[in-house]
């Protein structure tokens, strides 16, 4: 039996705005948008197999999260051009949590928040794990 990740879901206060954020800043495209109000989206990067689903959040207020709280911590996106994407995100007003972490093996990591405060990471690895 084989399994793989198909998608991960983010409950968003404004699915339209967050879909635009992912498309404009990270190069996603809309793979599917339903006809509900507010809509839900499936976003993809190219033909990649892993999708981001944006679903309307309920009316609850989001509890503040600290690094390494139990549960979801962050989502990481593998990139080929770390420096180029890092600069484009900075130019688009994205605030990183700190400077890039460059490891001795050439791996590069940087954390930032999306348009609704979800913690994301970009990562470049010279060799796959």
C-alpha atoms as a PDB file:
ATOM      1  CA  UNK A   1       0.000   0.000   0.000  1.00  0.00           C
ATOM      2  CA  UNK A   2       1.380   3.386  -0.901  1.00  0.00           C
ATOM      3  CA  UNK A   3       0.315   6.743   0.449  1.00  0.00           C
ATOM      4  CA  UNK A   4       1.383  10.289  -0.258  1.00  0.00           C
ATOM      5  CA  UNK A   5       0.248  13.736   0.771  1.00  0.00           C
ATOM      6  CA  UNK A   6      -2.448  15.054  -1.575  1.00  0.00           C
ATOM      7  CA  UNK A   7      -3.179  18.390   0.088  1.00  0.00           C
ATOM      8  CA  UNK A   8      -3.086  20.350   3.286  1.00  0.00           C
ATOM      9  CA  UNK A   9      -5.890  22.701   4.291  1.00  0.00           C
ATOM     10  CA  UNK A  10      -5.789  26.175   5.784  1.00  0.00           C
ATOM     11  CA  UNK A  11      -8.928  27.683   7.317  1.00  0.00           C
ATOM     12  CA  UNK A  12      -8.857  31.290   6.106  1.00  0.00           C
ATOM     13  CA  UNK A  13     -10.778  34.371   7.208  1.00  0.00           C
ATOM     14  CA  UNK A  14     -10.785  35.565   3.572  1.00  0.00           C
ATOM     15  CA  UNK A  15     -10.217  32.736   1.098  1.00  0.00           C
ATOM     16  CA  UNK A  16     -10.227  35.084  -1.912  1.00  0.00           C
ATOM     17  CA  UNK A  17      -7.509  37.316  -0.452  1.00  0.00           C
ATOM     18  CA  UNK A  18      -5.379  34.414   0.749  1.00  0.00           C
ATOM     19  CA  UNK A  19      -5.654  32.666  -2.639  1.00  0.00           C
ATOM     20  CA  UNK A  20      -4.384  35.872  -4.290  1.00  0.00           C
ATOM     21  CA  UNK A  21      -1.547  36.041  -1.732  1.00  0.00           C
ATOM     22  CA  UNK A  22      -0.334  32.513  -2.555  1.00  0.00           C
ATOM     23  CA  UNK A  23      -0.686  33.082  -6.308  1.00  0.00           C
ATOM     24  CA  UNK A  24       1.058  36.474  -6.367  1.00  0.00           C
ATOM     25  CA  UNK A  25       3.859  35.745  -3.908  1.00  0.00           C
ATOM     26  CA  UNK A  26       4.567  32.025  -4.242  1.00  0.00           C
ATOM     27  CA  UNK A  27       3.552  31.376  -7.840  1.00  0.00           C
ATOM     28  CA  UNK A  28       0.566  29.140  -7.136  1.00  0.00           C
ATOM     29  CA  UNK A  29      -2.343  28.838  -9.535  1.00  0.00           C
ATOM     30  CA  UNK A  30      -5.973  28.032  -8.850  1.00  0.00           C
ATOM     31  CA  UNK A  31      -6.600  24.380  -9.654  1.00  0.00           C
ATOM     32  CA  UNK A  32     -10.218  24.482  -8.429  1.00  0.00           C
ATOM     33  CA  UNK A  33     -12.593  27.028  -6.884  1.00  0.00           C
ATOM     34  CA  UNK A  34     -16.075  26.020  -5.778  1.00  0.00           C
ATOM     35  CA  UNK A  35     -19.189  28.160  -6.207  1.00  0.00           C
ATOM     36  CA  UNK A  36     -19.984  28.626  -2.522  1.00  0.00           C
ATOM     37  CA  UNK A  37     -19.894  31.948  -0.716  1.00  0.00           C
ATOM     38  CA  UNK A  38     -17.252  32.306   0.545  1.00  0.00           C
ATOM     39  CA  UNK A  39     -15.494  29.949  -1.838  1.00  0.00           C
ATOM     40  CA  UNK A  40     -12.985  27.206  -1.108  1.00  0.00           C
ATOM     41  CA  UNK A  41      -9.908  26.817  -3.297  1.00  0.00           C
ATOM     42  CA  UNK A  42      -7.384  24.189  -4.287  1.00  0.00           C
ATOM     43  CA  UNK A  43      -4.078  25.805  -5.259  1.00  0.00           C
ATOM     44  CA  UNK A  44      -1.103  24.164  -6.943  1.00  0.00           C
ATOM     45  CA  UNK A  45       2.416  24.981  -8.022  1.00  0.00           C
ATOM     46  CA  UNK A  46       2.673  23.894 -11.639  1.00  0.00           C
ATOM     47  CA  UNK A  47       1.811  20.239 -12.060  1.00  0.00           C
ATOM     48  CA  UNK A  48       2.973  19.467  -8.523  1.00  0.00           C
ATOM     49  CA  UNK A  49       1.099  16.700  -6.761  1.00  0.00           C
ATOM     50  CA  UNK A  50       0.636  18.460  -3.400  1.00  0.00           C
ATOM     51  CA  UNK A  51      -2.200  20.989  -3.212  1.00  0.00           C
ATOM     52  CA  UNK A  52      -3.037  23.761  -0.755  1.00  0.00           C
ATOM     53  CA  UNK A  53      -6.732  23.863   0.123  1.00  0.00           C
ATOM     54  CA  UNK A  54      -8.146  27.134   1.418  1.00  0.00           C
ATOM     55  CA  UNK A  55     -11.407  26.689   3.288  1.00  0.00           C
ATOM     56  CA  UNK A  56     -13.553  29.355   4.958  1.00  0.00           C
ATOM     57  CA  UNK A  57     -12.791  29.660   8.668  1.00  0.00           C
ATOM     58  CA  UNK A  58     -15.545  29.580  11.234  1.00  0.00           C
ATOM     59  CA  UNK A  59     -16.249  32.625  13.416  1.00  0.00           C
ATOM     60  CA  UNK A  60     -13.891  31.552  16.213  1.00  0.00           C
ATOM     61  CA  UNK A  61     -10.980  33.787  17.017  1.00  0.00           C
ATOM     62  CA  UNK A  62      -7.601  32.257  16.310  1.00  0.00           C
ATOM     63  CA  UNK A  63      -5.612  31.470  19.416  1.00  0.00           C
ATOM     64  CA  UNK A  64      -2.082  32.824  19.421  1.00  0.00           C
ATOM     65  CA  UNK A  65       0.557  30.210  18.685  1.00  0.00           C
ATOM     66  CA  UNK A  66       4.139  30.077  19.790  1.00  0.00           C
ATOM     67  CA  UNK A  67       6.924  28.265  18.024  1.00  0.00           C
ATOM     68  CA  UNK A  68       6.781  24.507  18.652  1.00  0.00           C
ATOM     69  CA  UNK A  69       3.336  24.513  20.271  1.00  0.00           C
ATOM     70  CA  UNK A  70       1.667  21.111  19.878  1.00  0.00           C
ATOM     71  CA  UNK A  71       0.020  20.539  16.516  1.00  0.00           C
ATOM     72  CA  UNK A  72       0.821  22.050  13.156  1.00  0.00           C
ATOM     73  CA  UNK A  73       4.018  24.086  13.229  1.00  0.00           C
ATOM     74  CA  UNK A  74       4.689  25.196   9.657  1.00  0.00           C
ATOM     75  CA  UNK A  75       4.524  24.207   6.004  1.00  0.00           C
ATOM     76  CA  UNK A  76       7.757  24.142   4.007  1.00  0.00           C
ATOM     77  CA  UNK A  77       8.121  24.778   0.291  1.00  0.00           C
ATOM     78  CA  UNK A  78      11.121  23.369  -1.566  1.00  0.00           C
ATOM     79  CA  UNK A  79      12.633  25.959  -3.903  1.00  0.00           C
ATOM     80  CA  UNK A  80      15.312  25.840  -6.598  1.00  0.00           C
ATOM     81  CA  UNK A  81      16.204  29.548  -6.469  1.00  0.00           C
ATOM     82  CA  UNK A  82      16.223  30.366  -2.763  1.00  0.00           C
ATOM     83  CA  UNK A  83      17.953  33.737  -3.067  1.00  0.00           C
ATOM     84  CA  UNK A  84      15.711  34.892  -5.917  1.00  0.00           C
ATOM     85  CA  UNK A  85      12.473  33.934  -4.158  1.00  0.00           C
ATOM     86  CA  UNK A  86      13.675  35.349  -0.843  1.00  0.00           C
ATOM     87  CA  UNK A  87      14.377  38.695  -2.529  1.00  0.00           C
ATOM     88  CA  UNK A  88      11.048  38.698  -4.418  1.00  0.00           C
ATOM     89  CA  UNK A  89       9.168  38.023  -1.175  1.00  0.00           C
ATOM     90  CA  UNK A  90      11.044  40.823   0.603  1.00  0.00           C
ATOM     91  CA  UNK A  91      10.255  43.174  -2.290  1.00  0.00           C
ATOM     92  CA  UNK A  92       6.569  42.182  -2.018  1.00  0.00           C
ATOM     93  CA  UNK A  93       6.543  43.242   1.638  1.00  0.00           C
ATOM     94  CA  UNK A  94       6.776  39.788   3.212  1.00  0.00           C
ATOM     95  CA  UNK A  95       8.403  39.953   6.643  1.00  0.00           C
ATOM     96  CA  UNK A  96      10.653  37.050   7.561  1.00  0.00           C
ATOM     97  CA  UNK A  97      11.049  35.914  11.159  1.00  0.00           C
ATOM     98  CA  UNK A  98      14.808  36.327  10.845  1.00  0.00           C
ATOM     99  CA  UNK A  99      17.642  36.170   8.346  1.00  0.00           C
ATOM    100  CA  UNK A 100      18.091  33.056   6.213  1.00  0.00           C
ATOM    101  CA  UNK A 101      19.728  30.113   7.957  1.00  0.00           C
ATOM    102  CA  UNK A 102      22.536  28.826   5.736  1.00  0.00           C
ATOM    103  CA  UNK A 103      23.927  25.464   6.817  1.00  0.00           C
ATOM    104  CA  UNK A 104      27.438  24.096   6.131  1.00  0.00           C
ATOM    105  CA  UNK A 105      26.070  21.651   3.528  1.00  0.00           C
ATOM    106  CA  UNK A 106      24.542  24.544   1.540  1.00  0.00           C
ATOM    107  CA  UNK A 107      20.972  24.076   2.785  1.00  0.00           C
ATOM    108  CA  UNK A 108      19.125  27.401   3.099  1.00  0.00           C
ATOM    109  CA  UNK A 109      16.003  27.969   5.242  1.00  0.00           C
ATOM    110  CA  UNK A 110      13.835  30.996   6.014  1.00  0.00           C
ATOM    111  CA  UNK A 111      10.532  31.384   7.861  1.00  0.00           C
ATOM    112  CA  UNK A 112       7.768  33.911   7.184  1.00  0.00           C
ATOM    113  CA  UNK A 113       4.011  34.299   7.606  1.00  0.00           C
ATOM    114  CA  UNK A 114       1.382  34.243   4.893  1.00  0.00           C
ATOM    115  CA  UNK A 115      -1.325  36.896   4.532  1.00  0.00           C
ATOM    116  CA  UNK A 116      -3.249  35.504   7.525  1.00  0.00           C
ATOM    117  CA  UNK A 117      -0.342  34.703   9.818  1.00  0.00           C
ATOM    118  CA  UNK A 118       0.265  31.016   9.037  1.00  0.00           C
ATOM    119  CA  UNK A 119       3.925  30.111   9.452  1.00  0.00           C
ATOM    120  CA  UNK A 120       5.638  29.051   6.224  1.00  0.00           C
ATOM    121  CA  UNK A 121       9.180  28.129   5.290  1.00  0.00           C
ATOM    122  CA  UNK A 122      11.162  28.143   2.091  1.00  0.00           C
ATOM    123  CA  UNK A 123      13.969  25.613   1.884  1.00  0.00           C
ATOM    124  CA  UNK A 124      16.712  24.880  -0.601  1.00  0.00           C
ATOM    125  CA  UNK A 125      18.618  21.613  -0.240  1.00  0.00           C
ATOM    126  CA  UNK A 126      21.588  20.844  -2.492  1.00  0.00           C
ATOM    127  CA  UNK A 127      20.820  17.134  -1.989  1.00  0.00           C
ATOM    128  CA  UNK A 128      17.388  15.701  -1.135  1.00  0.00           C
ATOM    129  CA  UNK A 129      16.950  14.266   2.347  1.00  0.00           C
END
